[in-house]
Amino acid sequence: MTKDQILVVEDEKDTRYILDKLLSKNGYEVVTSVNGEEAIEILKQHKPKVIIADWTMPIMDGIELCKILKNDEKYKLIYFIILTARASLKDRVIGLDVGADDFLVKPVDNQELLARIRSGIRIHNLQNELKNIEHNKAIIEMACTIGHKINNPLASLLMSIKNIEDELNSDEKEKFNDDFSITHQSIEKIKFLVNDLIHLQNPDLIEYTPDQKMVNLGK
């Protein structure tokens, strides 16, 4: 069973070590970094469900990191917890404005932290499920639309070819026999494609190139 991954962003070595041990002991896969800038590099290789970041850090603090990630489609669904010694309402408003999902005031109670993480993972999983549902729905609607859009000119194409064949005499038909055969085969393939698009139910994406995916229509 794959462990849920958590990224801890903390510049204080002792605190980072304690959080790493606590979370690892409770069954999480832990990745650590010492500031926000390093965390962004780590995210290129890792996919945590939760980020725990200290507010105050050198180079890039937790607030700036949160702001950057919440404005990026790749990372915005990661549940972001800010650790801070600041407990004022004003500070919480600042954090909420940049998209922080939760706050914990230092010193952090271990059980409360674990409870917040469990809650964050549940929310992260639910948001991803909803995103996938919406994504699949959009693919199905687009496929159906494209299928119907192809169907109309395809019908016109079939009628035109039939008219051309009817106008040709036997010798002329013989001359273009191979061309008509290839054309009809191609039309049949397009008809199968249209049918697959219109009746698509559970879209499965497969890798087409390293940077692109395509819908697997089983053909």
N, C-alpha and C. Protein backbone atom coordinates (compact mmCIF):
# COMPACT_ATOMS: atom_id res chain seq x y z
N MET A 1 0.84 -1.19 0.00
CA MET A 1 0.00 0.00 0.00
C MET A 1 0.89 1.26 0.00
N THR A 2 0.61 2.17 -0.93
CA THR A 2 1.41 3.38 -1.04
C THR A 2 1.12 4.32 0.13
N LYS A 3 2.18 4.84 0.72
CA LYS A 3 2.02 5.76 1.83
C LYS A 3 1.69 7.16 1.32
N ASP A 4 0.86 7.88 2.08
CA ASP A 4 0.59 9.28 1.76
C ASP A 4 1.86 10.09 2.02
N GLN A 5 2.17 10.97 1.09
CA GLN A 5 3.41 11.74 1.21
C GLN A 5 3.14 13.14 1.77
N ILE A 6 4.04 13.59 2.64
CA ILE A 6 3.94 14.91 3.25
C ILE A 6 5.27 15.63 3.06
N LEU A 7 5.18 16.90 2.68
CA LEU A 7 6.38 17.72 2.54
C LEU A 7 6.46 18.67 3.74
N VAL A 8 7.56 18.59 4.47
CA VAL A 8 7.80 19.48 5.61
C VAL A 8 8.80 20.54 5.17
N VAL A 9 8.41 21.81 5.29
CA VAL A 9 9.29 22.93 4.92
C VAL A 9 9.59 23.71 6.19
N GLU A 10 10.79 23.53 6.70
CA GLU A 10 11.16 24.09 8.02
C GLU A 10 12.66 24.35 8.05
N ASP A 11 13.04 25.57 8.40
CA ASP A 11 14.46 25.90 8.40
C ASP A 11 15.18 25.49 9.68
N GLU A 12 14.43 25.32 10.77
CA GLU A 12 15.05 24.91 12.03
C GLU A 12 15.31 23.41 12.01
N LYS A 13 16.56 23.04 12.12
CA LYS A 13 16.97 21.64 11.98
C LYS A 13 16.29 20.72 13.00
N ASP A 14 16.24 21.13 14.26
CA ASP A 14 15.65 20.27 15.30
C ASP A 14 14.16 20.06 15.07
N THR A 15 13.45 21.14 14.72
CA THR A 15 12.01 21.03 14.46
C THR A 15 11.76 20.14 13.25
N ARG A 16 12.56 20.31 12.23
CA ARG A 16 12.43 19.50 11.01
C ARG A 16 12.65 18.03 11.33
N TYR A 17 13.63 17.74 12.17
CA TYR A 17 13.94 16.36 12.55
C TYR A 17 12.78 15.74 13.34
N ILE A 18 12.24 16.50 14.28
CA ILE A 18 11.14 16.01 15.13
C ILE A 18 9.90 15.72 14.29
N LEU A 19 9.58 16.64 13.36
CA LEU A 19 8.40 16.44 12.50
C LEU A 19 8.60 15.23 11.59
N ASP A 20 9.78 15.08 11.07
CA ASP A 20 10.10 13.94 10.20
C ASP A 20 9.88 12.63 10.96
N LYS A 21 10.42 12.54 12.17
CA LYS A 21 10.29 11.31 12.97
C LYS A 21 8.84 11.04 13.36
N LEU A 22 8.13 12.09 13.76
CA LEU A 22 6.72 11.94 14.18
C LEU A 22 5.87 11.43 13.03
N LEU A 23 6.02 12.02 11.88
CA LEU A 23 5.18 11.66 10.74
C LEU A 23 5.57 10.30 10.17
N SER A 24 6.86 10.01 10.12
CA SER A 24 7.32 8.70 9.63
C SER A 24 6.81 7.59 10.55
N LYS A 25 6.86 7.83 11.85
CA LYS A 25 6.39 6.86 12.83
C LYS A 25 4.91 6.56 12.67
N ASN A 26 4.17 7.56 12.17
CA ASN A 26 2.72 7.39 12.00
C ASN A 26 2.32 6.99 10.58
N GLY A 27 3.28 6.46 9.84
CA GLY A 27 2.96 5.82 8.57
C GLY A 27 2.98 6.70 7.34
N TYR A 28 3.54 7.90 7.45
CA TYR A 28 3.61 8.79 6.29
C TYR A 28 4.99 8.74 5.65
N GLU A 29 5.02 8.99 4.36
CA GLU A 29 6.29 9.18 3.66
C GLU A 29 6.62 10.67 3.75
N VAL A 30 7.77 10.99 4.29
CA VAL A 30 8.11 12.39 4.57
C VAL A 30 9.26 12.86 3.68
N VAL A 31 9.07 14.03 3.11
CA VAL A 31 10.12 14.72 2.36
C VAL A 31 10.33 16.06 3.05
N THR A 32 11.57 16.50 3.21
CA THR A 32 11.83 17.76 3.92
C THR A 32 12.62 18.74 3.07
N SER A 33 12.45 20.02 3.38
CA SER A 33 13.25 21.07 2.76
C SER A 33 13.43 22.20 3.77
N VAL A 34 14.39 23.06 3.51
CA VAL A 34 14.75 24.08 4.50
C VAL A 34 14.15 25.45 4.21
N ASN A 35 13.56 25.61 3.02
CA ASN A 35 12.89 26.88 2.70
C ASN A 35 11.97 26.68 1.49
N GLY A 36 11.21 27.72 1.18
CA GLY A 36 10.24 27.62 0.11
C GLY A 36 10.85 27.40 -1.26
N GLU A 37 11.97 28.02 -1.51
CA GLU A 37 12.63 27.88 -2.81
C GLU A 37 13.05 26.44 -3.05
N GLU A 38 13.62 25.81 -2.03
CA GLU A 38 14.01 24.41 -2.16
C GLU A 38 12.78 23.51 -2.30
N ALA A 39 11.70 23.88 -1.61
CA ALA A 39 10.46 23.10 -1.68
C ALA A 39 9.91 23.06 -3.11
N ILE A 40 9.98 24.17 -3.82
CA ILE A 40 9.49 24.22 -5.20
C ILE A 40 10.28 23.27 -6.08
N GLU A 41 11.58 23.18 -5.86
CA GLU A 41 12.41 22.24 -6.62
C GLU A 41 12.03 20.80 -6.29
N ILE A 42 11.78 20.53 -5.01
CA ILE A 42 11.41 19.18 -4.57
C ILE A 42 10.08 18.75 -5.20
N LEU A 43 9.15 19.70 -5.35
CA LEU A 43 7.84 19.38 -5.90
C LEU A 43 7.89 18.96 -7.36
N LYS A 44 9.00 19.21 -8.03
CA LYS A 44 9.15 18.77 -9.42
C LYS A 44 9.32 17.25 -9.49
N GLN A 45 9.71 16.64 -8.36
CA GLN A 45 9.94 15.20 -8.31
C GLN A 45 8.98 14.46 -7.40
N HIS A 46 8.31 15.18 -6.51
CA HIS A 46 7.43 14.55 -5.52
C HIS A 46 6.02 15.11 -5.60
N LYS A 47 5.05 14.31 -5.11
CA LYS A 47 3.64 14.72 -5.15
C LYS A 47 3.00 14.54 -3.77
N PRO A 48 3.32 15.43 -2.83
CA PRO A 48 2.73 15.31 -1.49
C PRO A 48 1.25 15.69 -1.50
N LYS A 49 0.52 15.09 -0.57
CA LYS A 49 -0.88 15.48 -0.40
C LYS A 49 -1.01 16.65 0.56
N VAL A 50 -0.03 16.76 1.45
CA VAL A 50 -0.04 17.82 2.47
C VAL A 50 1.34 18.48 2.52
N ILE A 51 1.34 19.79 2.66
CA ILE A 51 2.58 20.53 2.93
C ILE A 51 2.45 21.21 4.29
N ILE A 52 3.46 21.01 5.12
CA ILE A 52 3.53 21.70 6.42
C ILE A 52 4.70 22.67 6.31
N ALA A 53 4.41 23.97 6.36
CA ALA A 53 5.47 24.95 6.15
C ALA A 53 5.50 25.99 7.26
N ASP A 54 6.71 26.28 7.73
CA ASP A 54 6.88 27.35 8.71
C ASP A 54 6.62 28.69 8.03
N TRP A 55 6.01 29.60 8.77
CA TRP A 55 5.75 30.93 8.23
C TRP A 55 7.08 31.65 7.97
N THR A 56 7.95 31.69 8.99
CA THR A 56 9.17 32.48 8.92
C THR A 56 10.37 31.62 8.54
N MET A 57 10.91 31.86 7.33
CA MET A 57 12.09 31.14 6.85
C MET A 57 12.90 32.09 5.97
N PRO A 58 14.21 31.82 5.84
CA PRO A 58 15.03 32.63 4.93
C PRO A 58 14.75 32.29 3.47
N ILE A 59 15.14 33.16 2.58
CA ILE A 59 15.05 33.01 1.12
C ILE A 59 13.60 33.07 0.64
N MET A 60 12.77 32.12 1.10
CA MET A 60 11.34 32.17 0.78
C MET A 60 10.55 31.59 1.94
N ASP A 61 9.66 32.40 2.53
CA ASP A 61 8.93 31.93 3.70
C ASP A 61 7.69 31.13 3.30
N GLY A 62 6.99 30.62 4.31
CA GLY A 62 5.83 29.77 4.06
C GLY A 62 4.69 30.48 3.37
N ILE A 63 4.49 31.75 3.67
CA ILE A 63 3.41 32.52 3.06
C ILE A 63 3.66 32.70 1.56
N GLU A 64 4.88 33.06 1.21
CA GLU A 64 5.21 33.24 -0.21
C GLU A 64 5.11 31.92 -0.97
N LEU A 65 5.58 30.84 -0.33
CA LEU A 65 5.48 29.52 -0.94
C LEU A 65 4.02 29.16 -1.19
N CYS A 66 3.19 29.39 -0.19
CA CYS A 66 1.76 29.08 -0.31
C CYS A 66 1.13 29.87 -1.45
N LYS A 67 1.45 31.14 -1.53
CA LYS A 67 0.90 32.00 -2.59
C LYS A 67 1.26 31.49 -3.97
N ILE A 68 2.51 31.08 -4.14
CA ILE A 68 2.97 30.57 -5.44
C ILE A 68 2.25 29.27 -5.80
N LEU A 69 2.16 28.35 -4.86
CA LEU A 69 1.57 27.03 -5.14
C LEU A 69 0.07 27.10 -5.37
N LYS A 70 -0.61 27.95 -4.63
CA LYS A 70 -2.07 28.05 -4.77
C LYS A 70 -2.48 28.74 -6.07
N ASN A 71 -1.51 29.36 -6.74
CA ASN A 71 -1.79 29.98 -8.03
C ASN A 71 -1.29 29.13 -9.20
N ASP A 72 -0.92 27.90 -8.89
CA ASP A 72 -0.41 26.98 -9.91
C ASP A 72 -1.34 25.76 -9.96
N GLU A 73 -1.90 25.48 -11.13
CA GLU A 73 -2.86 24.38 -11.28
C GLU A 73 -2.28 23.04 -10.86
N LYS A 74 -0.97 22.86 -11.02
CA LYS A 74 -0.35 21.57 -10.68
C LYS A 74 -0.34 21.31 -9.18
N TYR A 75 -0.34 22.40 -8.38
CA TYR A 75 -0.13 22.24 -6.94
C TYR A 75 -1.27 22.78 -6.07
N LYS A 76 -2.25 23.41 -6.66
CA LYS A 76 -3.24 24.14 -5.85
C LYS A 76 -4.09 23.24 -4.95
N LEU A 77 -4.20 21.95 -5.27
CA LEU A 77 -5.01 21.06 -4.45
C LEU A 77 -4.24 20.44 -3.28
N ILE A 78 -2.94 20.68 -3.21
CA ILE A 78 -2.17 20.20 -2.05
C ILE A 78 -2.65 20.94 -0.80
N TYR A 79 -2.95 20.20 0.26
CA TYR A 79 -3.44 20.81 1.49
C TYR A 79 -2.27 21.48 2.20
N PHE A 80 -2.40 22.79 2.44
CA PHE A 80 -1.27 23.59 2.93
C PHE A 80 -1.51 24.03 4.37
N ILE A 81 -0.64 23.54 5.27
CA ILE A 81 -0.72 23.91 6.69
C ILE A 81 0.46 24.82 7.03
N ILE A 82 0.17 25.96 7.62
CA ILE A 82 1.21 26.90 8.03
C ILE A 82 1.46 26.78 9.53
N LEU A 83 2.72 26.61 9.89
CA LEU A 83 3.13 26.63 11.29
C LEU A 83 3.61 28.04 11.62
N THR A 84 3.12 28.60 12.70
CA THR A 84 3.49 29.97 13.01
C THR A 84 3.41 30.25 14.51
N ALA A 85 4.23 31.18 14.94
CA ALA A 85 4.14 31.66 16.32
C ALA A 85 3.17 32.83 16.40
N ARG A 86 2.69 33.28 15.25
CA ARG A 86 1.76 34.41 15.19
C ARG A 86 0.33 33.91 15.36
N ALA A 87 -0.35 34.44 16.32
CA ALA A 87 -1.68 33.94 16.63
C ALA A 87 -2.77 34.99 16.43
N SER A 88 -2.41 36.15 15.91
CA SER A 88 -3.40 37.23 15.79
C SER A 88 -4.33 36.98 14.61
N LEU A 89 -5.51 37.59 14.68
CA LEU A 89 -6.50 37.47 13.61
C LEU A 89 -5.95 38.06 12.31
N LYS A 90 -5.20 39.15 12.41
CA LYS A 90 -4.62 39.79 11.23
C LYS A 90 -3.70 38.84 10.48
N ASP A 91 -2.89 38.10 11.24
CA ASP A 91 -1.96 37.16 10.61
C ASP A 91 -2.71 36.02 9.93
N ARG A 92 -3.78 35.55 10.56
CA ARG A 92 -4.58 34.48 9.95
C ARG A 92 -5.23 34.96 8.65
N VAL A 93 -5.69 36.21 8.65
CA VAL A 93 -6.29 36.78 7.44
C VAL A 93 -5.27 36.82 6.31
N ILE A 94 -4.02 37.19 6.64
CA ILE A 94 -2.96 37.22 5.63
C ILE A 94 -2.77 35.83 5.03
N GLY A 95 -2.73 34.82 5.90
CA GLY A 95 -2.56 33.44 5.44
C GLY A 95 -3.73 32.97 4.58
N LEU A 96 -4.94 33.29 5.02
CA LEU A 96 -6.13 32.89 4.26
C LEU A 96 -6.18 33.57 2.90
N ASP A 97 -5.72 34.80 2.83
CA ASP A 97 -5.74 35.55 1.58
C ASP A 97 -4.83 34.92 0.53
N VAL A 98 -3.77 34.25 0.95
CA VAL A 98 -2.88 33.61 -0.04
C VAL A 98 -3.28 32.16 -0.29
N GLY A 99 -4.31 31.67 0.42
CA GLY A 99 -4.82 30.34 0.14
C GLY A 99 -4.47 29.25 1.12
N ALA A 100 -3.89 29.59 2.27
CA ALA A 100 -3.56 28.56 3.26
C ALA A 100 -4.83 27.82 3.70
N ASP A 101 -4.71 26.51 3.87
CA ASP A 101 -5.87 25.70 4.26
C ASP A 101 -6.02 25.57 5.77
N ASP A 102 -4.91 25.70 6.50
CA ASP A 102 -4.97 25.51 7.95
C ASP A 102 -3.78 26.19 8.61
N PHE A 103 -3.94 26.46 9.93
CA PHE A 103 -2.88 27.08 10.72
C PHE A 103 -2.68 26.28 12.00
N LEU A 104 -1.45 26.18 12.43
CA LEU A 104 -1.14 25.62 13.74
C LEU A 104 -0.14 26.54 14.42
N VAL A 105 -0.45 26.92 15.65
CA VAL A 105 0.42 27.84 16.39
C VAL A 105 1.46 27.04 17.17
N LYS A 106 2.71 27.44 17.03
CA LYS A 106 3.81 26.80 17.77
C LYS A 106 3.75 27.19 19.24
N PRO A 107 4.14 26.28 20.14
CA PRO A 107 4.54 24.89 19.90
C PRO A 107 3.33 24.03 19.54
N VAL A 108 3.54 23.13 18.61
CA VAL A 108 2.45 22.33 18.06
C VAL A 108 2.23 21.07 18.88
N ASP A 109 0.96 20.80 19.20
CA ASP A 109 0.62 19.54 19.86
C ASP A 109 0.62 18.42 18.82
N ASN A 110 1.34 17.35 19.10
CA ASN A 110 1.51 16.27 18.13
C ASN A 110 0.20 15.67 17.66
N GLN A 111 -0.69 15.41 18.59
CA GLN A 111 -1.97 14.77 18.24
C GLN A 111 -2.84 15.70 17.40
N GLU A 112 -2.79 16.98 17.71
CA GLU A 112 -3.56 17.93 16.92
C GLU A 112 -3.00 18.01 15.50
N LEU A 113 -1.68 18.01 15.39
CA LEU A 113 -1.06 18.04 14.07
C LEU A 113 -1.47 16.82 13.25
N LEU A 114 -1.41 15.64 13.86
CA LEU A 114 -1.79 14.42 13.15
C LEU A 114 -3.26 14.44 12.73
N ALA A 115 -4.10 14.99 13.59
CA ALA A 115 -5.53 15.09 13.26
C ALA A 115 -5.75 16.03 12.08
N ARG A 116 -5.03 17.15 12.07
CA ARG A 116 -5.15 18.11 10.96
C ARG A 116 -4.65 17.49 9.66
N ILE A 117 -3.60 16.70 9.74
CA ILE A 117 -3.06 16.04 8.55
C ILE A 117 -4.06 15.03 8.01
N ARG A 118 -4.65 14.24 8.88
CA ARG A 118 -5.65 13.26 8.43
C ARG A 118 -6.82 13.96 7.73
N SER A 119 -7.24 15.06 8.32
CA SER A 119 -8.32 15.84 7.72
C SER A 119 -7.90 16.40 6.37
N GLY A 120 -6.66 16.91 6.31
CA GLY A 120 -6.15 17.47 5.05
C GLY A 120 -6.08 16.44 3.95
N ILE A 121 -5.67 15.22 4.28
CA ILE A 121 -5.57 14.15 3.28
C ILE A 121 -6.96 13.77 2.77
N ARG A 122 -7.94 13.71 3.68
CA ARG A 122 -9.32 13.41 3.25
C ARG A 122 -9.82 14.47 2.28
N ILE A 123 -9.57 15.73 2.61
CA ILE A 123 -10.02 16.83 1.74
C ILE A 123 -9.30 16.78 0.40
N HIS A 124 -7.99 16.53 0.45
CA HIS A 124 -7.20 16.43 -0.79
C HIS A 124 -7.74 15.32 -1.70
N ASN A 125 -8.02 14.14 -1.10
CA ASN A 125 -8.53 13.02 -1.89
C ASN A 125 -9.89 13.34 -2.50
N LEU A 126 -10.75 13.97 -1.70
CA LEU A 126 -12.08 14.32 -2.19
C LEU A 126 -12.01 15.33 -3.33
N GLN A 127 -11.16 16.34 -3.19
CA GLN A 127 -11.02 17.35 -4.23
C GLN A 127 -10.51 16.73 -5.53
N ASN A 128 -9.58 15.79 -5.41
CA ASN A 128 -9.06 15.13 -6.61
C ASN A 128 -10.11 14.25 -7.28
N GLU A 129 -10.94 13.59 -6.47
CA GLU A 129 -12.03 12.78 -7.03
C GLU A 129 -13.00 13.66 -7.80
N LEU A 130 -13.35 14.80 -7.21
CA LEU A 130 -14.27 15.73 -7.87
C LEU A 130 -13.65 16.29 -9.15
N LYS A 131 -12.35 16.58 -9.09
CA LYS A 131 -11.65 17.09 -10.27
C LYS A 131 -11.66 16.06 -11.39
N ASN A 132 -11.43 14.79 -11.04
CA ASN A 132 -11.43 13.72 -12.04
C ASN A 132 -12.81 13.53 -12.65
N ILE A 133 -13.85 13.64 -11.81
CA ILE A 133 -15.22 13.51 -12.31
C ILE A 133 -15.52 14.61 -13.32
N GLU A 134 -15.17 15.84 -12.96
CA GLU A 134 -15.41 16.98 -13.85
C GLU A 134 -14.58 16.85 -15.13
N HIS A 135 -13.34 16.37 -14.98
CA HIS A 135 -12.47 16.20 -16.13
C HIS A 135 -13.03 15.17 -17.09
N ASN A 136 -13.49 14.02 -16.55
CA ASN A 136 -14.05 12.97 -17.38
C ASN A 136 -15.34 13.44 -18.06
N LYS A 137 -16.14 14.20 -17.32
CA LYS A 137 -17.38 14.72 -17.88
C LYS A 137 -17.09 15.64 -19.06
N ALA A 138 -16.07 16.48 -18.91
CA ALA A 138 -15.70 17.40 -19.98
C ALA A 138 -15.21 16.64 -21.21
N ILE A 139 -14.43 15.58 -20.98
CA ILE A 139 -13.92 14.76 -22.09
C ILE A 139 -15.08 14.11 -22.84
N ILE A 140 -16.04 13.54 -22.09
CA ILE A 140 -17.18 12.87 -22.71
C ILE A 140 -18.01 13.85 -23.53
N GLU A 141 -18.26 15.04 -22.96
CA GLU A 141 -19.05 16.05 -23.68
C GLU A 141 -18.33 16.50 -24.95
N MET A 142 -17.01 16.68 -24.85
CA MET A 142 -16.25 17.10 -26.03
C MET A 142 -16.24 16.00 -27.09
N ALA A 143 -16.04 14.75 -26.66
CA ALA A 143 -16.02 13.64 -27.60
C ALA A 143 -17.35 13.51 -28.33
N CYS A 144 -18.44 13.64 -27.59
CA CYS A 144 -19.77 13.54 -28.18
C CYS A 144 -20.00 14.67 -29.18
N THR A 145 -19.58 15.87 -28.81
CA THR A 145 -19.73 17.03 -29.70
C THR A 145 -18.94 16.83 -30.99
N ILE A 146 -17.67 16.39 -30.86
CA ILE A 146 -16.84 16.16 -32.05
C ILE A 146 -17.44 15.06 -32.92
N GLY A 147 -17.94 14.00 -32.28
CA GLY A 147 -18.56 12.90 -33.02
C GLY A 147 -19.72 13.38 -33.88
N HIS A 148 -20.60 14.19 -33.29
CA HIS A 148 -21.76 14.70 -34.03
C HIS A 148 -21.33 15.67 -35.12
N LYS A 149 -20.29 16.47 -34.83
CA LYS A 149 -19.80 17.44 -35.82
C LYS A 149 -19.20 16.73 -37.04
N ILE A 150 -18.58 15.57 -36.80
CA ILE A 150 -17.99 14.80 -37.91
C ILE A 150 -19.09 14.09 -38.70
N ASN A 151 -20.13 13.67 -38.02
CA ASN A 151 -21.18 12.87 -38.63
C ASN A 151 -21.84 13.56 -39.82
N ASN A 152 -22.13 14.85 -39.68
CA ASN A 152 -22.84 15.57 -40.74
C ASN A 152 -22.03 15.68 -42.03
N PRO A 153 -20.77 16.18 -41.99
CA PRO A 153 -20.00 16.23 -43.24
C PRO A 153 -19.68 14.83 -43.78
N LEU A 154 -19.61 13.82 -42.89
CA LEU A 154 -19.36 12.45 -43.34
C LEU A 154 -20.53 11.95 -44.19
N ALA A 155 -21.72 12.25 -43.76
CA ALA A 155 -22.91 11.86 -44.53
C ALA A 155 -22.91 12.53 -45.90
N SER A 156 -22.53 13.80 -45.93
CA SER A 156 -22.46 14.52 -47.20
C SER A 156 -21.40 13.92 -48.11
N LEU A 157 -20.27 13.53 -47.52
CA LEU A 157 -19.19 12.90 -48.28
C LEU A 157 -19.65 11.60 -48.91
N LEU A 158 -20.37 10.78 -48.16
CA LEU A 158 -20.88 9.51 -48.67
C LEU A 158 -21.83 9.72 -49.84
N MET A 159 -22.71 10.71 -49.73
CA MET A 159 -23.66 11.01 -50.80
C MET A 159 -22.93 11.47 -52.06
N SER A 160 -21.90 12.31 -51.87
CA SER A 160 -21.15 12.83 -53.02
C SER A 160 -20.43 11.71 -53.76
N ILE A 161 -19.80 10.82 -53.00
CA ILE A 161 -19.08 9.70 -53.63
C ILE A 161 -20.05 8.78 -54.37
N LYS A 162 -21.22 8.55 -53.78
CA LYS A 162 -22.24 7.71 -54.42
C LYS A 162 -22.70 8.35 -55.73
N ASN A 163 -22.88 9.66 -55.72
CA ASN A 163 -23.30 10.37 -56.93
C ASN A 163 -22.23 10.26 -58.03
N ILE A 164 -20.96 10.39 -57.60
CA ILE A 164 -19.86 10.29 -58.57
C ILE A 164 -19.82 8.89 -59.18
N GLU A 165 -19.97 7.87 -58.35
CA GLU A 165 -19.95 6.49 -58.84
C GLU A 165 -21.10 6.23 -59.81
N ASP A 166 -22.26 6.81 -59.50
CA ASP A 166 -23.44 6.61 -60.37
C ASP A 166 -23.27 7.29 -61.72
N GLU A 167 -22.47 8.36 -61.75
CA GLU A 167 -22.28 9.11 -62.99
C GLU A 167 -21.24 8.47 -63.91
N LEU A 168 -20.42 7.59 -63.35
CA LEU A 168 -19.36 6.97 -64.14
C LEU A 168 -19.86 5.73 -64.87
N ASN A 169 -19.34 5.52 -66.05
CA ASN A 169 -19.68 4.28 -66.76
C ASN A 169 -18.77 3.16 -66.26
N SER A 170 -18.96 1.97 -66.77
CA SER A 170 -18.24 0.79 -66.26
C SER A 170 -16.74 0.93 -66.41
N ASP A 171 -16.28 1.43 -67.56
CA ASP A 171 -14.84 1.57 -67.78
C ASP A 171 -14.22 2.60 -66.84
N GLU A 172 -14.95 3.69 -66.63
CA GLU A 172 -14.44 4.74 -65.74
C GLU A 172 -14.38 4.25 -64.29
N LYS A 173 -15.40 3.49 -63.90
CA LYS A 173 -15.42 2.93 -62.55
C LYS A 173 -14.23 2.00 -62.34
N GLU A 174 -13.94 1.22 -63.37
CA GLU A 174 -12.82 0.28 -63.29
C GLU A 174 -11.50 1.03 -63.10
N LYS A 175 -11.40 2.15 -63.78
CA LYS A 175 -10.19 2.96 -63.72
C LYS A 175 -9.92 3.48 -62.31
N PHE A 176 -11.02 3.84 -61.63
CA PHE A 176 -10.88 4.44 -60.28
C PHE A 176 -11.25 3.45 -59.16
N ASN A 177 -11.26 2.19 -59.49
CA ASN A 177 -11.71 1.18 -58.54
C ASN A 177 -10.89 1.18 -57.24
N ASP A 178 -9.57 1.23 -57.36
CA ASP A 178 -8.71 1.23 -56.17
C ASP A 178 -8.93 2.48 -55.32
N ASP A 179 -9.11 3.61 -55.99
CA ASP A 179 -9.34 4.86 -55.25
C ASP A 179 -10.65 4.80 -54.47
N PHE A 180 -11.70 4.27 -55.12
CA PHE A 180 -12.98 4.15 -54.43
C PHE A 180 -12.88 3.19 -53.25
N SER A 181 -12.11 2.11 -53.45
CA SER A 181 -11.95 1.11 -52.38
C SER A 181 -11.28 1.73 -51.15
N ILE A 182 -10.19 2.47 -51.39
CA ILE A 182 -9.48 3.13 -50.28
C ILE A 182 -10.37 4.16 -49.60
N THR A 183 -11.13 4.90 -50.42
CA THR A 183 -12.02 5.93 -49.88
C THR A 183 -13.08 5.31 -48.98
N HIS A 184 -13.69 4.22 -49.42
CA HIS A 184 -14.73 3.56 -48.62
C HIS A 184 -14.16 2.96 -47.34
N GLN A 185 -12.96 2.41 -47.42
CA GLN A 185 -12.31 1.87 -46.21
C GLN A 185 -12.06 2.99 -45.20
N SER A 186 -11.59 4.13 -45.70
CA SER A 186 -11.32 5.26 -44.82
C SER A 186 -12.61 5.78 -44.19
N ILE A 187 -13.66 5.82 -44.97
CA ILE A 187 -14.95 6.29 -44.44
C ILE A 187 -15.46 5.35 -43.35
N GLU A 188 -15.28 4.05 -43.54
CA GLU A 188 -15.70 3.08 -42.52
C GLU A 188 -14.94 3.30 -41.21
N LYS A 189 -13.64 3.59 -41.33
CA LYS A 189 -12.84 3.86 -40.13
C LYS A 189 -13.33 5.12 -39.42
N ILE A 190 -13.69 6.13 -40.20
CA ILE A 190 -14.21 7.36 -39.60
C ILE A 190 -15.55 7.10 -38.92
N LYS A 191 -16.37 6.26 -39.53
CA LYS A 191 -17.68 5.93 -38.94
C LYS A 191 -17.50 5.21 -37.60
N PHE A 192 -16.54 4.30 -37.53
CA PHE A 192 -16.26 3.62 -36.25
C PHE A 192 -15.76 4.62 -35.21
N LEU A 193 -14.91 5.56 -35.65
CA LEU A 193 -14.41 6.59 -34.74
C LEU A 193 -15.56 7.44 -34.20
N VAL A 194 -16.44 7.86 -35.09
CA VAL A 194 -17.59 8.68 -34.67
C VAL A 194 -18.45 7.93 -33.66
N ASN A 195 -18.68 6.65 -33.92
CA ASN A 195 -19.49 5.85 -32.99
C ASN A 195 -18.83 5.75 -31.62
N ASP A 196 -17.50 5.55 -31.61
CA ASP A 196 -16.77 5.48 -30.34
C ASP A 196 -16.84 6.80 -29.59
N LEU A 197 -16.73 7.90 -30.31
CA LEU A 197 -16.77 9.22 -29.67
C LEU A 197 -18.15 9.50 -29.07
N ILE A 198 -19.18 9.21 -29.83
CA ILE A 198 -20.54 9.51 -29.37
C ILE A 198 -20.93 8.66 -28.17
N HIS A 199 -20.42 7.43 -28.11
CA HIS A 199 -20.81 6.50 -27.03
C HIS A 199 -19.72 6.33 -25.97
N LEU A 200 -18.77 7.26 -25.93
CA LEU A 200 -17.71 7.20 -24.91
C LEU A 200 -18.31 7.34 -23.51
N GLN A 201 -17.94 6.43 -22.61
CA GLN A 201 -18.50 6.44 -21.25
C GLN A 201 -17.43 6.67 -20.18
N ASN A 202 -16.37 5.89 -20.24
CA ASN A 202 -15.32 5.98 -19.22
C ASN A 202 -13.98 6.28 -19.88
N PRO A 203 -13.71 7.56 -20.14
CA PRO A 203 -12.48 7.92 -20.86
C PRO A 203 -11.22 7.48 -20.14
N ASP A 204 -10.34 6.82 -20.89
CA ASP A 204 -9.07 6.36 -20.36
C ASP A 204 -7.97 7.07 -21.13
N LEU A 205 -7.15 7.85 -20.41
CA LEU A 205 -6.08 8.60 -21.07
C LEU A 205 -4.80 7.78 -21.11
N ILE A 206 -4.17 7.76 -22.27
CA ILE A 206 -2.90 7.06 -22.43
C ILE A 206 -1.86 8.06 -22.94
N GLU A 207 -0.59 7.74 -22.72
CA GLU A 207 0.49 8.64 -23.13
C GLU A 207 0.70 8.56 -24.64
N TYR A 208 0.64 9.71 -25.30
CA TYR A 208 0.87 9.80 -26.74
C TYR A 208 2.31 10.23 -27.01
N THR A 209 2.73 11.28 -26.29
CA THR A 209 4.12 11.72 -26.27
C THR A 209 4.45 12.02 -24.81
N PRO A 210 5.71 12.25 -24.47
CA PRO A 210 6.05 12.58 -23.07
C PRO A 210 5.29 13.78 -22.53
N ASP A 211 4.82 14.66 -23.43
CA ASP A 211 4.13 15.88 -22.98
C ASP A 211 2.64 15.88 -23.28
N GLN A 212 2.15 14.81 -23.94
CA GLN A 212 0.75 14.80 -24.34
C GLN A 212 0.10 13.45 -24.05
N LYS A 213 -1.20 13.51 -23.74
CA LYS A 213 -1.98 12.30 -23.57
C LYS A 213 -3.15 12.31 -24.55
N MET A 214 -3.67 11.12 -24.83
CA MET A 214 -4.83 11.03 -25.73
C MET A 214 -5.83 10.03 -25.16
N VAL A 215 -7.08 10.14 -25.59
CA VAL A 215 -8.13 9.23 -25.13
C VAL A 215 -7.95 7.90 -25.82
N ASN A 216 -7.94 6.83 -25.04
CA ASN A 216 -7.83 5.49 -25.57
C ASN A 216 -9.21 5.01 -26.03
N LEU A 217 -9.37 4.88 -27.34
CA LEU A 217 -10.65 4.43 -27.89
C LEU A 217 -10.62 2.94 -28.25
N GLY A 218 -9.51 2.29 -27.85
CA GLY A 218 -9.44 0.84 -28.06
C GLY A 218 -9.17 0.43 -29.49
N LYS A 219 -8.71 1.37 -30.30
CA LYS A 219 -8.43 1.06 -31.72
C LYS A 219 -6.96 1.29 -32.01
